[in-house]
Amino acid sequence: MKADGFDSSQDGWRDLIRLATKCTEEYAQLWEGAAAKLSDSSYRSEDLIDDWFKFWGKAIRDMTAGAASSWAAGMRDAQGRGATRDDRPGASRR
């Protein structure tokens, strides 16, 4: 899903739900993998470091995507403003 391509149509909402489901499944797989290693006592310090970076990488990716989607929706919905700005000298200002 592109943040600037989201609209309020049913297809846009389906894409958003599909993305959220995919991300949730990734977090669940990370959690289940760590839980399985902990239960059979094979979880090592290297696993902790790998899982830590995987978790925070996913979290930052998801927070960035959420912020970008919110920003694009806010810019689109701002009255009298488009989703882009034209800062060129001499460009008309609204």
PDB file of N, CA and C in Angstrom:
ATOM      1  N   MET A   1       0.837  -1.169   0.000  1.00  0.00           N
ATOM      2  CA  MET A   1       0.000   0.000   0.000  1.00  0.00           C
ATOM      3  C   MET A   1       0.885   1.236   0.000  1.00  0.00           C
ATOM      4  N   LYS A   2       0.617   2.140  -0.876  1.00  0.00           N
ATOM      5  CA  LYS A   2       1.317   3.410  -0.887  1.00  0.00           C
ATOM      6  C   LYS A   2       0.517   4.388  -0.045  1.00  0.00           C
ATOM      7  N   ALA A   3       1.211   5.136   0.769  1.00  0.00           N
ATOM      8  CA  ALA A   3       0.512   6.074   1.650  1.00  0.00           C
ATOM      9  C   ALA A   3      -0.226   7.129   0.848  1.00  0.00           C
ATOM     10  N   ASP A   4       0.373   7.597  -0.245  1.00  0.00           N
ATOM     11  CA  ASP A   4      -0.281   8.651  -1.006  1.00  0.00           C
ATOM     12  C   ASP A   4      -1.335   8.106  -1.959  1.00  0.00           C
ATOM     13  N   GLY A   5      -1.471   6.784  -2.039  1.00  0.00           N
ATOM     14  CA  GLY A   5      -2.466   6.206  -2.921  1.00  0.00           C
ATOM     15  C   GLY A   5      -3.717   5.737  -2.201  1.00  0.00           C
ATOM     16  N   PHE A   6      -3.767   5.935  -0.901  1.00  0.00           N
ATOM     17  CA  PHE A   6      -4.913   5.453  -0.133  1.00  0.00           C
ATOM     18  C   PHE A   6      -6.097   6.384  -0.320  1.00  0.00           C
ATOM     19  N   ASP A   7      -7.241   5.803  -0.541  1.00  0.00           N
ATOM     20  CA  ASP A   7      -8.461   6.590  -0.592  1.00  0.00           C
ATOM     21  C   ASP A   7      -9.507   5.904   0.276  1.00  0.00           C
ATOM     22  N   SER A   8     -10.670   6.480   0.370  1.00  0.00           N
ATOM     23  CA  SER A   8     -11.687   5.928   1.269  1.00  0.00           C
ATOM     24  C   SER A   8     -12.550   4.869   0.605  1.00  0.00           C
ATOM     25  N   SER A   9     -12.149   4.369  -0.553  1.00  0.00           N
ATOM     26  CA  SER A   9     -12.932   3.339  -1.230  1.00  0.00           C
ATOM     27  C   SER A   9     -12.788   2.015  -0.485  1.00  0.00           C
ATOM     28  N   GLN A  10     -13.639   1.076  -0.831  1.00  0.00           N
ATOM     29  CA  GLN A  10     -13.580  -0.251  -0.210  1.00  0.00           C
ATOM     30  C   GLN A  10     -12.254  -0.936  -0.512  1.00  0.00           C
ATOM     31  N   ASP A  11     -11.704  -0.746  -1.717  1.00  0.00           N
ATOM     32  CA  ASP A  11     -10.417  -1.352  -2.054  1.00  0.00           C
ATOM     33  C   ASP A  11      -9.307  -0.800  -1.174  1.00  0.00           C
ATOM     34  N   GLY A  12      -9.344   0.489  -0.887  1.00  0.00           N
ATOM     35  CA  GLY A  12      -8.343   1.093  -0.014  1.00  0.00           C
ATOM     36  C   GLY A  12      -8.401   0.517   1.388  1.00  0.00           C
ATOM     37  N   TRP A  13      -9.620   0.345   1.922  1.00  0.00           N
ATOM     38  CA  TRP A  13      -9.762  -0.235   3.253  1.00  0.00           C
ATOM     39  C   TRP A  13      -9.323  -1.686   3.265  1.00  0.00           C
ATOM     40  N   ARG A  14      -9.622  -2.427   2.193  1.00  0.00           N
ATOM     41  CA  ARG A  14      -9.188  -3.827   2.126  1.00  0.00           C
ATOM     42  C   ARG A  14      -7.664  -3.913   2.137  1.00  0.00           C
ATOM     43  N   ASP A  15      -7.015  -2.999   1.409  1.00  0.00           N
ATOM     44  CA  ASP A  15      -5.551  -2.977   1.395  1.00  0.00           C
ATOM     45  C   ASP A  15      -4.999  -2.678   2.780  1.00  0.00           C
ATOM     46  N   LEU A  16      -5.618  -1.749   3.470  1.00  0.00           N
ATOM     47  CA  LEU A  16      -5.169  -1.387   4.816  1.00  0.00           C
ATOM     48  C   LEU A  16      -5.336  -2.561   5.776  1.00  0.00           C
ATOM     49  N   ILE A  17      -6.451  -3.239   5.702  1.00  0.00           N
ATOM     50  CA  ILE A  17      -6.698  -4.403   6.560  1.00  0.00           C
ATOM     51  C   ILE A  17      -5.729  -5.525   6.216  1.00  0.00           C
ATOM     52  N   ARG A  18      -5.481  -5.745   4.945  1.00  0.00           N
ATOM     53  CA  ARG A  18      -4.538  -6.776   4.511  1.00  0.00           C
ATOM     54  C   ARG A  18      -3.136  -6.470   5.040  1.00  0.00           C
ATOM     55  N   LEU A  19      -2.724  -5.212   4.977  1.00  0.00           N
ATOM     56  CA  LEU A  19      -1.415  -4.812   5.479  1.00  0.00           C
ATOM     57  C   LEU A  19      -1.328  -5.014   6.994  1.00  0.00           C
ATOM     58  N   ALA A  20      -2.354  -4.609   7.722  1.00  0.00           N
ATOM     59  CA  ALA A  20      -2.359  -4.770   9.175  1.00  0.00           C
ATOM     60  C   ALA A  20      -2.324  -6.248   9.565  1.00  0.00           C
ATOM     61  N   THR A  21      -3.055  -7.074   8.833  1.00  0.00           N
ATOM     62  CA  THR A  21      -3.069  -8.513   9.102  1.00  0.00           C
ATOM     63  C   THR A  21      -1.691  -9.116   8.865  1.00  0.00           C
ATOM     64  N   LYS A  22      -1.055  -8.719   7.772  1.00  0.00           N
ATOM     65  CA  LYS A  22       0.285  -9.225   7.450  1.00  0.00           C
ATOM     66  C   LYS A  22       1.280  -8.835   8.538  1.00  0.00           C
ATOM     67  N   CYS A  23       1.224  -7.593   8.969  1.00  0.00           N
ATOM     68  CA  CYS A  23       2.153  -7.128  10.015  1.00  0.00           C
ATOM     69  C   CYS A  23       1.903  -7.856  11.328  1.00  0.00           C
ATOM     70  N   THR A  24       0.658  -8.055  11.683  1.00  0.00           N
ATOM     71  CA  THR A  24       0.320  -8.769  12.911  1.00  0.00           C
ATOM     72  C   THR A  24       0.834 -10.200  12.862  1.00  0.00           C
ATOM     73  N   GLU A  25       0.711 -10.841  11.702  1.00  0.00           N
ATOM     74  CA  GLU A  25       1.217 -12.205  11.548  1.00  0.00           C
ATOM     75  C   GLU A  25       2.737 -12.248  11.690  1.00  0.00           C
ATOM     76  N   GLU A  26       3.425 -11.238  11.186  1.00  0.00           N
ATOM     77  CA  GLU A  26       4.882 -11.187  11.335  1.00  0.00           C
ATOM     78  C   GLU A  26       5.274 -11.082  12.802  1.00  0.00           C
ATOM     79  N   TYR A  27       4.586 -10.241  13.558  1.00  0.00           N
ATOM     80  CA  TYR A  27       4.873 -10.117  14.991  1.00  0.00           C
ATOM     81  C   TYR A  27       4.574 -11.438  15.707  1.00  0.00           C
ATOM     82  N   ALA A  28       3.491 -12.084  15.347  1.00  0.00           N
ATOM     83  CA  ALA A  28       3.123 -13.357  15.972  1.00  0.00           C
ATOM     84  C   ALA A  28       4.169 -14.435  15.679  1.00  0.00           C
ATOM     85  N   GLN A  29       4.675 -14.481  14.443  1.00  0.00           N
ATOM     86  CA  GLN A  29       5.705 -15.461  14.094  1.00  0.00           C
ATOM     87  C   GLN A  29       6.980 -15.212  14.894  1.00  0.00           C
ATOM     88  N   LEU A  30       7.343 -13.963  15.061  1.00  0.00           N
ATOM     89  CA  LEU A  30       8.526 -13.621  15.849  1.00  0.00           C
ATOM     90  C   LEU A  30       8.347 -14.080  17.300  1.00  0.00           C
ATOM     91  N   TRP A  31       7.181 -13.792  17.846  1.00  0.00           N
ATOM     92  CA  TRP A  31       6.874 -14.175  19.226  1.00  0.00           C
ATOM     93  C   TRP A  31       6.855 -15.694  19.388  1.00  0.00           C
ATOM     94  N   GLU A  32       6.189 -16.388  18.469  1.00  0.00           N
ATOM     95  CA  GLU A  32       6.085 -17.845  18.564  1.00  0.00           C
ATOM     96  C   GLU A  32       7.443 -18.519  18.402  1.00  0.00           C
ATOM     97  N   GLY A  33       8.285 -17.978  17.531  1.00  0.00           N
ATOM     98  CA  GLY A  33       9.624 -18.536  17.367  1.00  0.00           C
ATOM     99  C   GLY A  33      10.444 -18.401  18.639  1.00  0.00           C
ATOM    100  N   ALA A  34      10.368 -17.236  19.267  1.00  0.00           N
ATOM    101  CA  ALA A  34      11.090 -17.038  20.528  1.00  0.00           C
ATOM    102  C   ALA A  34      10.518 -17.929  21.626  1.00  0.00           C
ATOM    103  N   ALA A  35       9.200 -18.055  21.681  1.00  0.00           N
ATOM    104  CA  ALA A  35       8.567 -18.884  22.713  1.00  0.00           C
ATOM    105  C   ALA A  35       8.947 -20.354  22.548  1.00  0.00           C
ATOM    106  N   ALA A  36       9.020 -20.815  21.305  1.00  0.00           N
ATOM    107  CA  ALA A  36       9.393 -22.214  21.060  1.00  0.00           C
ATOM    108  C   ALA A  36      10.823 -22.482  21.511  1.00  0.00           C
ATOM    109  N   LYS A  37      11.729 -21.547  21.213  1.00  0.00           N
ATOM    110  CA  LYS A  37      13.127 -21.722  21.632  1.00  0.00           C
ATOM    111  C   LYS A  37      13.262 -21.640  23.150  1.00  0.00           C
ATOM    112  N   LEU A  38      12.474 -20.763  23.773  1.00  0.00           N
ATOM    113  CA  LEU A  38      12.527 -20.670  25.232  1.00  0.00           C
ATOM    114  C   LEU A  38      12.006 -21.940  25.886  1.00  0.00           C
ATOM    115  N   SER A  39      10.955 -22.519  25.314  1.00  0.00           N
ATOM    116  CA  SER A  39      10.355 -23.705  25.937  1.00  0.00           C
ATOM    117  C   SER A  39      11.260 -24.925  25.853  1.00  0.00           C
ATOM    118  N   ASP A  40      12.090 -25.011  24.817  1.00  0.00           N
ATOM    119  CA  ASP A  40      13.008 -26.161  24.753  1.00  0.00           C
ATOM    120  C   ASP A  40      14.442 -25.784  25.141  1.00  0.00           C
ATOM    121  N   SER A  41      14.593 -24.641  25.804  1.00  0.00           N
ATOM    122  CA  SER A  41      15.873 -24.163  26.346  1.00  0.00           C
ATOM    123  C   SER A  41      16.961 -23.997  25.300  1.00  0.00           C
ATOM    124  N   SER A  42      16.586 -23.646  24.067  1.00  0.00           N
ATOM    125  CA  SER A  42      17.599 -23.430  23.031  1.00  0.00           C
ATOM    126  C   SER A  42      17.746 -21.951  22.672  1.00  0.00           C
ATOM    127  N   TYR A  43      17.087 -21.081  23.425  1.00  0.00           N
ATOM    128  CA  TYR A  43      17.174 -19.641  23.169  1.00  0.00           C
ATOM    129  C   TYR A  43      18.492 -19.125  23.705  1.00  0.00           C
ATOM    130  N   ARG A  44      19.279 -18.486  22.840  1.00  0.00           N
ATOM    131  CA  ARG A  44      20.604 -18.022  23.224  1.00  0.00           C
ATOM    132  C   ARG A  44      20.689 -16.510  23.117  1.00  0.00           C
ATOM    133  N   SER A  45      21.793 -15.971  23.556  1.00  0.00           N
ATOM    134  CA  SER A  45      21.969 -14.513  23.535  1.00  0.00           C
ATOM    135  C   SER A  45      21.921 -13.979  22.107  1.00  0.00           C
ATOM    136  N   GLU A  46      22.433 -14.726  21.144  1.00  0.00           N
ATOM    137  CA  GLU A  46      22.384 -14.301  19.752  1.00  0.00           C
ATOM    138  C   GLU A  46      20.930 -14.195  19.259  1.00  0.00           C
ATOM    139  N   ASP A  47      20.093 -15.106  19.730  1.00  0.00           N
ATOM    140  CA  ASP A  47      18.675 -15.076  19.360  1.00  0.00           C
ATOM    141  C   ASP A  47      17.996 -13.828  19.915  1.00  0.00           C
ATOM    142  N   LEU A  48      18.353 -13.476  21.148  1.00  0.00           N
ATOM    143  CA  LEU A  48      17.788 -12.274  21.758  1.00  0.00           C
ATOM    144  C   LEU A  48      18.139 -11.037  20.936  1.00  0.00           C
ATOM    145  N   ILE A  49      19.390 -10.941  20.535  1.00  0.00           N
ATOM    146  CA  ILE A  49      19.819  -9.790  19.744  1.00  0.00           C
ATOM    147  C   ILE A  49      19.113  -9.780  18.392  1.00  0.00           C
ATOM    148  N   ASP A  50      19.035 -10.926  17.731  1.00  0.00           N
ATOM    149  CA  ASP A  50      18.337 -11.007  16.437  1.00  0.00           C
ATOM    150  C   ASP A  50      16.868 -10.624  16.579  1.00  0.00           C
ATOM    151  N   ASP A  51      16.212 -11.178  17.589  1.00  0.00           N
ATOM    152  CA  ASP A  51      14.789 -10.888  17.788  1.00  0.00           C
ATOM    153  C   ASP A  51      14.563  -9.417  18.146  1.00  0.00           C
ATOM    154  N   TRP A  52      15.460  -8.857  18.929  1.00  0.00           N
ATOM    155  CA  TRP A  52      15.361  -7.448  19.314  1.00  0.00           C
ATOM    156  C   TRP A  52      15.392  -6.565  18.080  1.00  0.00           C
ATOM    157  N   PHE A  53      16.370  -6.796  17.201  1.00  0.00           N
ATOM    158  CA  PHE A  53      16.483  -5.974  16.007  1.00  0.00           C
ATOM    159  C   PHE A  53      15.347  -6.230  15.017  1.00  0.00           C
ATOM    160  N   LYS A  54      14.907  -7.471  14.901  1.00  0.00           N
ATOM    161  CA  LYS A  54      13.756  -7.763  14.029  1.00  0.00           C
ATOM    162  C   LYS A  54      12.510  -7.043  14.533  1.00  0.00           C
ATOM    163  N   PHE A  55      12.279  -7.116  15.853  1.00  0.00           N
ATOM    164  CA  PHE A  55      11.094  -6.468  16.420  1.00  0.00           C
ATOM    165  C   PHE A  55      11.127  -4.967  16.175  1.00  0.00           C
ATOM    166  N   TRP A  56      12.236  -4.304  16.534  1.00  0.00           N
ATOM    167  CA  TRP A  56      12.296  -2.853  16.393  1.00  0.00           C
ATOM    168  C   TRP A  56      12.312  -2.433  14.935  1.00  0.00           C
ATOM    169  N   GLY A  57      12.889  -3.240  14.055  1.00  0.00           N
ATOM    170  CA  GLY A  57      12.833  -2.932  12.629  1.00  0.00           C
ATOM    171  C   GLY A  57      11.402  -2.940  12.122  1.00  0.00           C
ATOM    172  N   LYS A  58      10.638  -3.955  12.530  1.00  0.00           N
ATOM    173  CA  LYS A  58       9.229  -4.031  12.135  1.00  0.00           C
ATOM    174  C   LYS A  58       8.423  -2.885  12.754  1.00  0.00           C
ATOM    175  N   ALA A  59       8.692  -2.598  14.023  1.00  0.00           N
ATOM    176  CA  ALA A  59       7.942  -1.542  14.708  1.00  0.00           C
ATOM    177  C   ALA A  59       8.185  -0.184  14.054  1.00  0.00           C
ATOM    178  N   ILE A  60       9.427   0.107  13.732  1.00  0.00           N
ATOM    179  CA  ILE A  60       9.739   1.391  13.093  1.00  0.00           C
ATOM    180  C   ILE A  60       9.121   1.451  11.704  1.00  0.00           C
ATOM    181  N   ARG A  61       9.191   0.357  10.958  1.00  0.00           N
ATOM    182  CA  ARG A  61       8.558   0.303   9.636  1.00  0.00           C
ATOM    183  C   ARG A  61       7.068   0.594   9.746  1.00  0.00           C
ATOM    184  N   ASP A  62       6.407  -0.025  10.714  1.00  0.00           N
ATOM    185  CA  ASP A  62       4.967   0.130  10.856  1.00  0.00           C
ATOM    186  C   ASP A  62       4.584   1.517  11.361  1.00  0.00           C
ATOM    187  N   MET A  63       5.374   2.073  12.277  1.00  0.00           N
ATOM    188  CA  MET A  63       5.089   3.429  12.758  1.00  0.00           C
ATOM    189  C   MET A  63       5.282   4.448  11.631  1.00  0.00           C
ATOM    190  N   THR A  64       6.299   4.238  10.817  1.00  0.00           N
ATOM    191  CA  THR A  64       6.538   5.142   9.689  1.00  0.00           C
ATOM    192  C   THR A  64       5.410   5.054   8.678  1.00  0.00           C
ATOM    193  N   ALA A  65       4.963   3.839   8.382  1.00  0.00           N
ATOM    194  CA  ALA A  65       3.851   3.665   7.440  1.00  0.00           C
ATOM    195  C   ALA A  65       2.576   4.307   7.983  1.00  0.00           C
ATOM    196  N   GLY A  66       2.323   4.153   9.275  1.00  0.00           N
ATOM    197  CA  GLY A  66       1.142   4.771   9.879  1.00  0.00           C
ATOM    198  C   GLY A  66       1.203   6.288   9.837  1.00  0.00           C
ATOM    199  N   ALA A  67       2.369   6.828  10.143  1.00  0.00           N
ATOM    200  CA  ALA A  67       2.524   8.281  10.105  1.00  0.00           C
ATOM    201  C   ALA A  67       2.372   8.810   8.681  1.00  0.00           C
ATOM    202  N   ALA A  68       2.946   8.103   7.711  1.00  0.00           N
ATOM    203  CA  ALA A  68       2.842   8.536   6.313  1.00  0.00           C
ATOM    204  C   ALA A  68       1.394   8.481   5.835  1.00  0.00           C
ATOM    205  N   SER A  69       0.672   7.433   6.211  1.00  0.00           N
ATOM    206  CA  SER A  69      -0.740   7.316   5.824  1.00  0.00           C
ATOM    207  C   SER A  69      -1.570   8.433   6.449  1.00  0.00           C
ATOM    208  N   SER A  70      -1.320   8.699   7.721  1.00  0.00           N
ATOM    209  CA  SER A  70      -2.049   9.775   8.401  1.00  0.00           C
ATOM    210  C   SER A  70      -1.743  11.127   7.785  1.00  0.00           C
ATOM    211  N   TRP A  71      -0.487  11.356   7.490  1.00  0.00           N
ATOM    212  CA  TRP A  71      -0.077  12.624   6.891  1.00  0.00           C
ATOM    213  C   TRP A  71      -0.747  12.805   5.529  1.00  0.00           C
ATOM    214  N   ALA A  72      -0.706  11.758   4.700  1.00  0.00           N
ATOM    215  CA  ALA A  72      -1.310  11.850   3.368  1.00  0.00           C
ATOM    216  C   ALA A  72      -2.815  12.079   3.465  1.00  0.00           C
ATOM    217  N   ALA A  73      -3.477  11.390   4.390  1.00  0.00           N
ATOM    218  CA  ALA A  73      -4.920  11.578   4.556  1.00  0.00           C
ATOM    219  C   ALA A  73      -5.226  12.982   5.055  1.00  0.00           C
ATOM    220  N   GLY A  74      -4.414  13.494   5.978  1.00  0.00           N
ATOM    221  CA  GLY A  74      -4.620  14.842   6.490  1.00  0.00           C
ATOM    222  C   GLY A  74      -4.401  15.900   5.440  1.00  0.00           C
ATOM    223  N   MET A  75      -3.399  15.721   4.610  1.00  0.00           N
ATOM    224  CA  MET A  75      -3.126  16.685   3.548  1.00  0.00           C
ATOM    225  C   MET A  75      -4.236  16.645   2.497  1.00  0.00           C
ATOM    226  N   ARG A  76      -4.724  15.444   2.215  1.00  0.00           N
ATOM    227  CA  ARG A  76      -5.784  15.302   1.222  1.00  0.00           C
ATOM    228  C   ARG A  76      -7.082  15.930   1.726  1.00  0.00           C
ATOM    229  N   ASP A  77      -7.326  15.775   3.027  1.00  0.00           N
ATOM    230  CA  ASP A  77      -8.585  16.245   3.596  1.00  0.00           C
ATOM    231  C   ASP A  77      -8.557  17.707   4.020  1.00  0.00           C
ATOM    232  N   ALA A  78      -7.383  18.315   4.039  1.00  0.00           N
ATOM    233  CA  ALA A  78      -7.289  19.722   4.432  1.00  0.00           C
ATOM    234  C   ALA A  78      -8.042  20.570   3.409  1.00  0.00           C
ATOM    235  N   GLN A  79      -8.947  21.378   3.887  1.00  0.00           N
ATOM    236  CA  GLN A  79      -9.793  22.150   2.998  1.00  0.00           C
ATOM    237  C   GLN A  79      -8.963  23.171   2.218  1.00  0.00           C
ATOM    238  N   GLY A  80      -9.140  23.156   0.916  1.00  0.00           N
ATOM    239  CA  GLY A  80      -8.471  24.113   0.057  1.00  0.00           C
ATOM    240  C   GLY A  80      -7.027  23.784  -0.245  1.00  0.00           C
ATOM    241  N   ARG A  81      -6.570  22.607   0.155  1.00  0.00           N
ATOM    242  CA  ARG A  81      -5.182  22.238  -0.085  1.00  0.00           C
ATOM    243  C   ARG A  81      -5.133  20.878  -0.751  1.00  0.00           C
ATOM    244  N   GLY A  82      -4.231  20.733  -1.656  1.00  0.00           N
ATOM    245  CA  GLY A  82      -4.009  19.446  -2.281  1.00  0.00           C
ATOM    246  C   GLY A  82      -3.021  18.625  -1.471  1.00  0.00           C
ATOM    247  N   ALA A  83      -2.699  17.449  -1.956  1.00  0.00           N
ATOM    248  CA  ALA A  83      -1.763  16.577  -1.255  1.00  0.00           C
ATOM    249  C   ALA A  83      -0.325  16.999  -1.480  1.00  0.00           C
ATOM    250  N   THR A  84      -0.074  17.949  -2.384  1.00  0.00           N
ATOM    251  CA  THR A  84       1.292  18.397  -2.648  1.00  0.00           C
ATOM    252  C   THR A  84       1.375  19.905  -2.521  1.00  0.00           C
ATOM    253  N   ARG A  85       2.573  20.399  -2.353  1.00  0.00           N
ATOM    254  CA  ARG A  85       2.817  21.841  -2.279  1.00  0.00           C
ATOM    255  C   ARG A  85       3.681  22.243  -3.454  1.00  0.00           C
ATOM    256  N   ASP A  86       3.543  23.473  -3.866  1.00  0.00           N
ATOM    257  CA  ASP A  86       4.380  24.015  -4.929  1.00  0.00           C
ATOM    258  C   ASP A  86       5.127  25.208  -4.341  1.00  0.00           C
ATOM    259  N   ASP A  87       6.386  25.011  -4.011  1.00  0.00           N
ATOM    260  CA  ASP A  87       7.195  26.047  -3.373  1.00  0.00           C
ATOM    261  C   ASP A  87       8.067  26.805  -4.370  1.00  0.00           C
ATOM    262  N   ARG A  88       7.798  26.646  -5.642  1.00  0.00           N
ATOM    263  CA  ARG A  88       8.616  27.357  -6.626  1.00  0.00           C
ATOM    264  C   ARG A  88       8.395  28.869  -6.515  1.00  0.00           C
ATOM    265  N   PRO A  89       9.440  29.624  -6.771  1.00  0.00           N
ATOM    266  CA  PRO A  89       9.261  31.084  -6.771  1.00  0.00           C
ATOM    267  C   PRO A  89       8.227  31.463  -7.816  1.00  0.00           C
ATOM    268  N   GLY A  90       7.320  32.345  -7.463  1.00  0.00           N
ATOM    269  CA  GLY A  90       6.300  32.803  -8.392  1.00  0.00           C
ATOM    270  C   GLY A  90       5.069  31.914  -8.463  1.00  0.00           C
ATOM    271  N   ALA A  91       5.095  30.768  -7.770  1.00  0.00           N
ATOM    272  CA  ALA A  91       3.936  29.886  -7.770  1.00  0.00           C
ATOM    273  C   ALA A  91       2.809  30.565  -6.991  1.00  0.00           C
ATOM    274  N   SER A  92       1.604  30.383  -7.444  1.00  0.00           N
ATOM    275  CA  SER A  92       0.471  31.044  -6.769  1.00  0.00           C
ATOM    276  C   SER A  92       0.256  30.426  -5.394  1.00  0.00           C
ATOM    277  N   ARG A  93      -0.067  31.259  -4.431  1.00  0.00           N
ATOM    278  CA  ARG A  93      -0.343  30.822  -3.056  1.00  0.00           C
ATOM    279  C   ARG A  93      -1.843  30.917  -2.830  1.00  0.00           C
ATOM    280  N   ARG A  94      -2.393  29.983  -2.092  1.00  0.00           N
ATOM    281  CA  ARG A  94      -3.818  30.013  -1.787  1.00  0.00           C
ATOM    282  C   ARG A  94      -4.045  30.587  -0.445  1.00  0.00           C
TER     283      ARG A  94
END
